[in-house]
């Protein structure tokens, strides 16, 4: 689970700090990072919420979210049609908050 280590280092956290937040043993987090053990579904949800990334990203899914790489820039007007297909009216307040947090996370990764 190098993604966990990658995300932790990106947030400038020690293993001890992240383990404390997740309420797990330091050794458990260490084992996750080296791939000896894998986090269960509850832990994956906690990690996803903490880092504000989809669980798929933590598990190694690749859809342009590598923390260590530059985020590609898009012409928003061309990409806006993808957003137009989303029915935002059906989203709950929690989902809207998550969407806003995710957008802020994406923006925070930009190199200036």
N, C-alpha and C. Protein backbone atom coordinates (compact mmCIF):
# COMPACT_ATOMS: atom_id res chain seq x y z
N UNK A 1 0.84 -1.19 0.00
CA UNK A 1 0.00 0.00 0.00
C UNK A 1 0.88 1.25 0.00
N UNK A 2 1.66 1.39 -1.03
CA UNK A 2 2.50 2.57 -1.12
C UNK A 2 1.69 3.85 -1.22
N UNK A 3 0.44 3.75 -1.67
CA UNK A 3 -0.39 4.95 -1.77
C UNK A 3 -0.63 5.57 -0.40
N UNK A 4 -0.79 4.72 0.61
CA UNK A 4 -1.01 5.26 1.96
C UNK A 4 0.22 6.05 2.38
N UNK A 5 1.38 5.48 2.18
CA UNK A 5 2.61 6.17 2.52
C UNK A 5 2.75 7.47 1.71
N UNK A 6 2.43 7.38 0.43
CA UNK A 6 2.52 8.54 -0.46
C UNK A 6 1.60 9.66 0.03
N UNK A 7 0.38 9.31 0.36
CA UNK A 7 -0.58 10.31 0.85
C UNK A 7 -0.16 10.86 2.20
N UNK A 8 0.31 9.98 3.08
CA UNK A 8 0.75 10.41 4.41
C UNK A 8 1.91 11.40 4.30
N UNK A 9 2.87 11.07 3.45
CA UNK A 9 4.02 11.96 3.29
C UNK A 9 3.61 13.27 2.63
N UNK A 10 2.68 13.21 1.69
CA UNK A 10 2.18 14.42 1.05
C UNK A 10 1.56 15.36 2.09
N UNK A 11 0.87 14.78 3.07
CA UNK A 11 0.24 15.58 4.13
C UNK A 11 1.22 15.93 5.24
N UNK A 12 2.48 15.50 5.07
CA UNK A 12 3.54 15.77 6.04
C UNK A 12 3.20 15.23 7.43
N UNK A 13 2.74 13.98 7.45
CA UNK A 13 2.39 13.31 8.69
C UNK A 13 3.36 12.18 8.96
N UNK A 14 3.60 11.93 10.22
CA UNK A 14 4.38 10.76 10.60
C UNK A 14 3.42 9.57 10.68
N UNK A 15 3.99 8.37 10.71
CA UNK A 15 3.14 7.20 10.88
C UNK A 15 2.41 7.27 12.21
N UNK A 16 3.09 7.73 13.22
CA UNK A 16 2.49 7.84 14.56
C UNK A 16 1.28 8.78 14.54
N UNK A 17 1.41 9.93 13.86
CA UNK A 17 0.30 10.89 13.80
C UNK A 17 -0.91 10.32 13.06
N UNK A 18 -0.65 9.68 11.91
CA UNK A 18 -1.76 9.11 11.16
C UNK A 18 -2.40 7.96 11.92
N UNK A 19 -1.59 7.10 12.52
CA UNK A 19 -2.12 5.98 13.29
C UNK A 19 -2.99 6.47 14.44
N UNK A 20 -2.56 7.52 15.09
CA UNK A 20 -3.35 8.09 16.19
C UNK A 20 -4.70 8.59 15.68
N UNK A 21 -4.69 9.28 14.55
CA UNK A 21 -5.94 9.79 13.98
C UNK A 21 -6.88 8.64 13.61
N UNK A 22 -6.33 7.58 13.05
CA UNK A 22 -7.13 6.43 12.62
C UNK A 22 -7.48 5.49 13.78
N UNK A 23 -6.88 5.76 14.93
CA UNK A 23 -7.07 4.94 16.13
C UNK A 23 -6.65 3.49 15.89
N UNK A 24 -5.44 3.36 15.35
CA UNK A 24 -4.85 2.05 15.11
C UNK A 24 -3.43 2.05 15.67
N UNK A 25 -2.84 0.88 15.78
CA UNK A 25 -1.46 0.77 16.24
C UNK A 25 -0.51 1.27 15.16
N UNK A 26 0.59 1.87 15.59
CA UNK A 26 1.61 2.33 14.65
C UNK A 26 2.07 1.18 13.76
N UNK A 27 2.23 0.00 14.35
CA UNK A 27 2.71 -1.16 13.59
C UNK A 27 1.71 -1.57 12.51
N UNK A 28 0.42 -1.41 12.77
CA UNK A 28 -0.59 -1.74 11.76
C UNK A 28 -0.41 -0.87 10.53
N UNK A 29 -0.25 0.43 10.77
CA UNK A 29 -0.04 1.35 9.65
C UNK A 29 1.25 1.00 8.91
N UNK A 30 2.28 0.70 9.65
CA UNK A 30 3.55 0.33 9.03
C UNK A 30 3.38 -0.91 8.14
N UNK A 31 2.65 -1.90 8.64
CA UNK A 31 2.40 -3.12 7.85
C UNK A 31 1.60 -2.82 6.59
N UNK A 32 0.63 -1.91 6.69
CA UNK A 32 -0.14 -1.52 5.50
C UNK A 32 0.79 -0.91 4.46
N UNK A 33 1.67 -0.03 4.93
CA UNK A 33 2.54 0.70 4.00
C UNK A 33 3.54 -0.22 3.31
N UNK A 34 3.98 -1.25 3.98
CA UNK A 34 4.94 -2.16 3.34
C UNK A 34 4.25 -3.33 2.64
N UNK A 35 2.92 -3.42 2.77
CA UNK A 35 2.17 -4.45 2.08
C UNK A 35 2.07 -5.78 2.80
N UNK A 36 2.47 -5.81 4.07
CA UNK A 36 2.37 -7.05 4.83
C UNK A 36 0.90 -7.38 5.13
N UNK A 37 0.12 -6.36 5.45
CA UNK A 37 -1.32 -6.50 5.67
C UNK A 37 -2.03 -5.46 4.83
N UNK A 38 -3.34 -5.68 4.64
CA UNK A 38 -4.16 -4.71 3.93
C UNK A 38 -5.23 -4.19 4.87
N UNK A 39 -5.57 -2.91 4.75
CA UNK A 39 -6.62 -2.37 5.60
C UNK A 39 -7.97 -2.98 5.26
N UNK A 40 -8.81 -3.16 6.30
CA UNK A 40 -10.16 -3.67 6.06
C UNK A 40 -11.04 -2.55 5.52
N UNK A 41 -12.28 -2.86 5.22
CA UNK A 41 -13.17 -1.87 4.59
C UNK A 41 -13.40 -0.65 5.48
N UNK A 42 -13.52 -0.86 6.78
CA UNK A 42 -13.71 0.28 7.69
C UNK A 42 -12.49 1.20 7.67
N UNK A 43 -11.31 0.60 7.69
CA UNK A 43 -10.08 1.39 7.66
C UNK A 43 -9.94 2.13 6.32
N UNK A 44 -10.31 1.47 5.23
CA UNK A 44 -10.26 2.12 3.92
C UNK A 44 -11.18 3.34 3.88
N UNK A 45 -12.35 3.21 4.50
CA UNK A 45 -13.27 4.35 4.54
C UNK A 45 -12.68 5.49 5.36
N UNK A 46 -12.05 5.17 6.48
CA UNK A 46 -11.41 6.21 7.31
C UNK A 46 -10.30 6.90 6.53
N UNK A 47 -9.48 6.10 5.85
CA UNK A 47 -8.39 6.66 5.05
C UNK A 47 -8.93 7.54 3.94
N UNK A 48 -9.96 7.08 3.27
CA UNK A 48 -10.57 7.84 2.18
C UNK A 48 -11.09 9.18 2.67
N UNK A 49 -11.77 9.17 3.79
CA UNK A 49 -12.31 10.42 4.36
C UNK A 49 -11.19 11.34 4.82
N UNK A 50 -10.19 10.75 5.47
CA UNK A 50 -9.09 11.57 5.99
C UNK A 50 -8.33 12.26 4.86
N UNK A 51 -7.97 11.49 3.84
CA UNK A 51 -7.18 12.05 2.75
C UNK A 51 -8.04 12.69 1.66
N UNK A 52 -9.35 12.49 1.76
CA UNK A 52 -10.28 13.05 0.77
C UNK A 52 -9.97 12.57 -0.64
N UNK A 53 -9.77 11.26 -0.74
CA UNK A 53 -9.56 10.60 -2.03
C UNK A 53 -10.46 9.37 -2.08
N UNK A 54 -10.82 8.93 -3.28
CA UNK A 54 -11.63 7.70 -3.38
C UNK A 54 -10.85 6.48 -2.89
N UNK A 55 -11.57 5.51 -2.38
CA UNK A 55 -10.94 4.27 -1.93
C UNK A 55 -10.15 3.63 -3.07
N UNK A 56 -10.65 3.72 -4.28
CA UNK A 56 -9.96 3.17 -5.44
C UNK A 56 -8.54 3.71 -5.55
N UNK A 57 -8.36 4.96 -5.24
CA UNK A 57 -7.02 5.55 -5.31
C UNK A 57 -6.11 4.92 -4.26
N UNK A 58 -6.63 4.72 -3.06
CA UNK A 58 -5.83 4.11 -1.99
C UNK A 58 -5.43 2.69 -2.37
N UNK A 59 -6.32 1.99 -3.06
CA UNK A 59 -6.05 0.62 -3.46
C UNK A 59 -5.18 0.51 -4.70
N UNK A 60 -4.82 1.65 -5.28
CA UNK A 60 -3.91 1.63 -6.42
C UNK A 60 -4.54 1.95 -7.75
N UNK A 61 -5.84 2.29 -7.75
CA UNK A 61 -6.49 2.68 -8.99
C UNK A 61 -5.82 3.91 -9.58
N UNK A 62 -5.74 3.97 -10.87
CA UNK A 62 -5.04 5.07 -11.52
C UNK A 62 -5.98 5.81 -12.45
N UNK A 63 -6.35 7.00 -12.03
CA UNK A 63 -7.18 7.83 -12.89
C UNK A 63 -6.73 9.28 -12.78
N UNK A 64 -5.41 9.45 -12.86
CA UNK A 64 -4.86 10.80 -12.88
C UNK A 64 -4.73 11.45 -11.52
N UNK A 65 -4.64 10.65 -10.44
CA UNK A 65 -4.58 11.24 -9.11
C UNK A 65 -3.26 10.98 -8.39
N UNK A 66 -2.23 10.64 -9.08
CA UNK A 66 -0.97 10.39 -8.39
C UNK A 66 -0.51 11.66 -7.69
N UNK A 67 -0.26 11.54 -6.41
CA UNK A 67 0.14 12.70 -5.61
C UNK A 67 1.49 13.23 -6.07
N UNK A 68 2.38 12.34 -6.48
CA UNK A 68 3.73 12.75 -6.81
C UNK A 68 3.87 13.32 -8.21
N UNK A 69 2.81 13.27 -9.00
CA UNK A 69 2.88 13.79 -10.36
C UNK A 69 2.09 15.07 -10.47
N UNK A 70 2.42 15.85 -11.49
CA UNK A 70 1.64 17.05 -11.75
C UNK A 70 0.25 16.66 -12.21
N UNK A 71 -0.73 17.39 -11.73
CA UNK A 71 -2.10 17.17 -12.18
C UNK A 71 -2.24 17.80 -13.56
N UNK A 72 -2.73 17.04 -14.55
CA UNK A 72 -2.86 17.62 -15.88
C UNK A 72 -3.84 18.79 -15.87
N UNK A 73 -3.55 19.79 -16.66
CA UNK A 73 -4.45 20.93 -16.74
C UNK A 73 -5.39 20.72 -17.91
N UNK A 74 -6.63 21.10 -17.71
CA UNK A 74 -7.65 20.93 -18.73
C UNK A 74 -8.28 22.27 -19.05
N UNK A 75 -8.75 22.38 -20.25
CA UNK A 75 -9.57 23.52 -20.61
C UNK A 75 -10.94 23.25 -20.03
N UNK A 76 -11.29 23.99 -19.00
CA UNK A 76 -12.54 23.73 -18.28
C UNK A 76 -13.75 23.81 -19.20
N UNK A 77 -13.75 24.69 -20.15
CA UNK A 77 -14.91 24.80 -21.03
C UNK A 77 -15.15 23.52 -21.81
N UNK A 78 -14.08 22.86 -22.23
CA UNK A 78 -14.22 21.60 -22.95
C UNK A 78 -14.68 20.47 -22.02
N UNK A 79 -14.22 20.50 -20.79
CA UNK A 79 -14.55 19.46 -19.83
C UNK A 79 -15.88 19.71 -19.12
N UNK A 80 -16.40 20.91 -19.25
CA UNK A 80 -17.63 21.26 -18.55
C UNK A 80 -18.79 20.37 -18.96
N UNK A 81 -18.78 19.84 -20.15
CA UNK A 81 -19.88 18.98 -20.58
C UNK A 81 -20.00 17.73 -19.70
N UNK A 82 -18.89 17.26 -19.15
CA UNK A 82 -18.94 16.12 -18.23
C UNK A 82 -19.71 16.51 -16.98
N UNK A 83 -19.48 17.71 -16.49
CA UNK A 83 -20.20 18.17 -15.30
C UNK A 83 -21.67 18.44 -15.59
N UNK A 84 -21.96 18.85 -16.80
CA UNK A 84 -23.35 19.13 -17.17
C UNK A 84 -24.21 17.86 -17.10
N UNK A 85 -23.58 16.69 -17.26
CA UNK A 85 -24.33 15.44 -17.23
C UNK A 85 -24.66 14.98 -15.82
N UNK A 86 -24.03 15.60 -14.82
CA UNK A 86 -24.28 15.23 -13.44
C UNK A 86 -25.51 15.97 -12.94
N UNK A 87 -26.42 15.26 -12.33
CA UNK A 87 -27.61 15.88 -11.78
C UNK A 87 -27.33 16.26 -10.33
N UNK A 88 -26.85 17.49 -10.13
CA UNK A 88 -26.46 17.95 -8.80
C UNK A 88 -27.66 18.10 -7.86
N UNK A 89 -28.85 18.27 -8.41
CA UNK A 89 -30.03 18.45 -7.57
C UNK A 89 -30.31 17.22 -6.71
N UNK A 90 -29.86 16.06 -7.17
CA UNK A 90 -30.12 14.81 -6.43
C UNK A 90 -29.10 14.56 -5.32
N UNK A 91 -28.08 15.39 -5.21
CA UNK A 91 -27.03 15.18 -4.21
C UNK A 91 -27.50 15.63 -2.84
N UNK A 92 -27.07 14.88 -1.83
CA UNK A 92 -27.37 15.28 -0.45
C UNK A 92 -26.39 16.39 -0.04
N UNK A 93 -26.67 17.00 1.10
CA UNK A 93 -25.76 18.03 1.61
C UNK A 93 -24.37 17.43 1.88
N UNK A 94 -24.34 16.20 2.42
CA UNK A 94 -23.06 15.55 2.68
C UNK A 94 -22.28 15.30 1.39
N UNK A 95 -22.98 14.87 0.34
CA UNK A 95 -22.33 14.62 -0.94
C UNK A 95 -21.81 15.92 -1.56
N UNK A 96 -22.56 16.99 -1.42
CA UNK A 96 -22.10 18.29 -1.93
C UNK A 96 -20.86 18.74 -1.17
N UNK A 97 -20.86 18.54 0.16
CA UNK A 97 -19.68 18.88 0.96
C UNK A 97 -18.47 18.06 0.52
N UNK A 98 -18.67 16.76 0.29
CA UNK A 98 -17.56 15.91 -0.16
C UNK A 98 -17.04 16.35 -1.53
N UNK A 99 -17.96 16.71 -2.41
CA UNK A 99 -17.57 17.19 -3.74
C UNK A 99 -16.75 18.47 -3.63
N UNK A 100 -17.18 19.39 -2.78
CA UNK A 100 -16.45 20.64 -2.58
C UNK A 100 -15.08 20.38 -1.97
N UNK A 101 -15.02 19.49 -0.97
CA UNK A 101 -13.73 19.15 -0.35
C UNK A 101 -12.79 18.52 -1.37
N UNK A 102 -13.32 17.67 -2.22
CA UNK A 102 -12.51 17.01 -3.23
C UNK A 102 -11.95 18.04 -4.22
N UNK A 103 -12.78 18.99 -4.62
CA UNK A 103 -12.32 20.04 -5.54
C UNK A 103 -11.21 20.86 -4.89
N UNK A 104 -11.35 21.17 -3.61
CA UNK A 104 -10.31 21.91 -2.89
C UNK A 104 -9.03 21.08 -2.78
N UNK A 105 -9.18 19.78 -2.57
CA UNK A 105 -8.01 18.91 -2.51
C UNK A 105 -7.26 18.92 -3.83
N UNK A 106 -7.99 18.80 -4.91
CA UNK A 106 -7.37 18.81 -6.23
C UNK A 106 -6.62 20.12 -6.44
N UNK A 107 -7.24 21.22 -6.10
CA UNK A 107 -6.61 22.53 -6.27
C UNK A 107 -5.38 22.67 -5.38
N UNK A 108 -5.41 22.07 -4.18
CA UNK A 108 -4.30 22.21 -3.24
C UNK A 108 -3.05 21.48 -3.72
N UNK A 109 -3.21 20.51 -4.61
CA UNK A 109 -2.06 19.75 -5.10
C UNK A 109 -1.31 20.44 -6.23
N UNK A 110 -1.84 21.53 -6.70
CA UNK A 110 -1.18 22.24 -7.80
C UNK A 110 0.17 22.78 -7.32
N UNK A 111 1.12 22.70 -8.20
CA UNK A 111 2.43 23.31 -7.90
C UNK A 111 2.38 24.73 -8.41
N UNK A 112 2.82 25.65 -7.55
CA UNK A 112 2.81 27.06 -7.96
C UNK A 112 4.17 27.52 -8.37
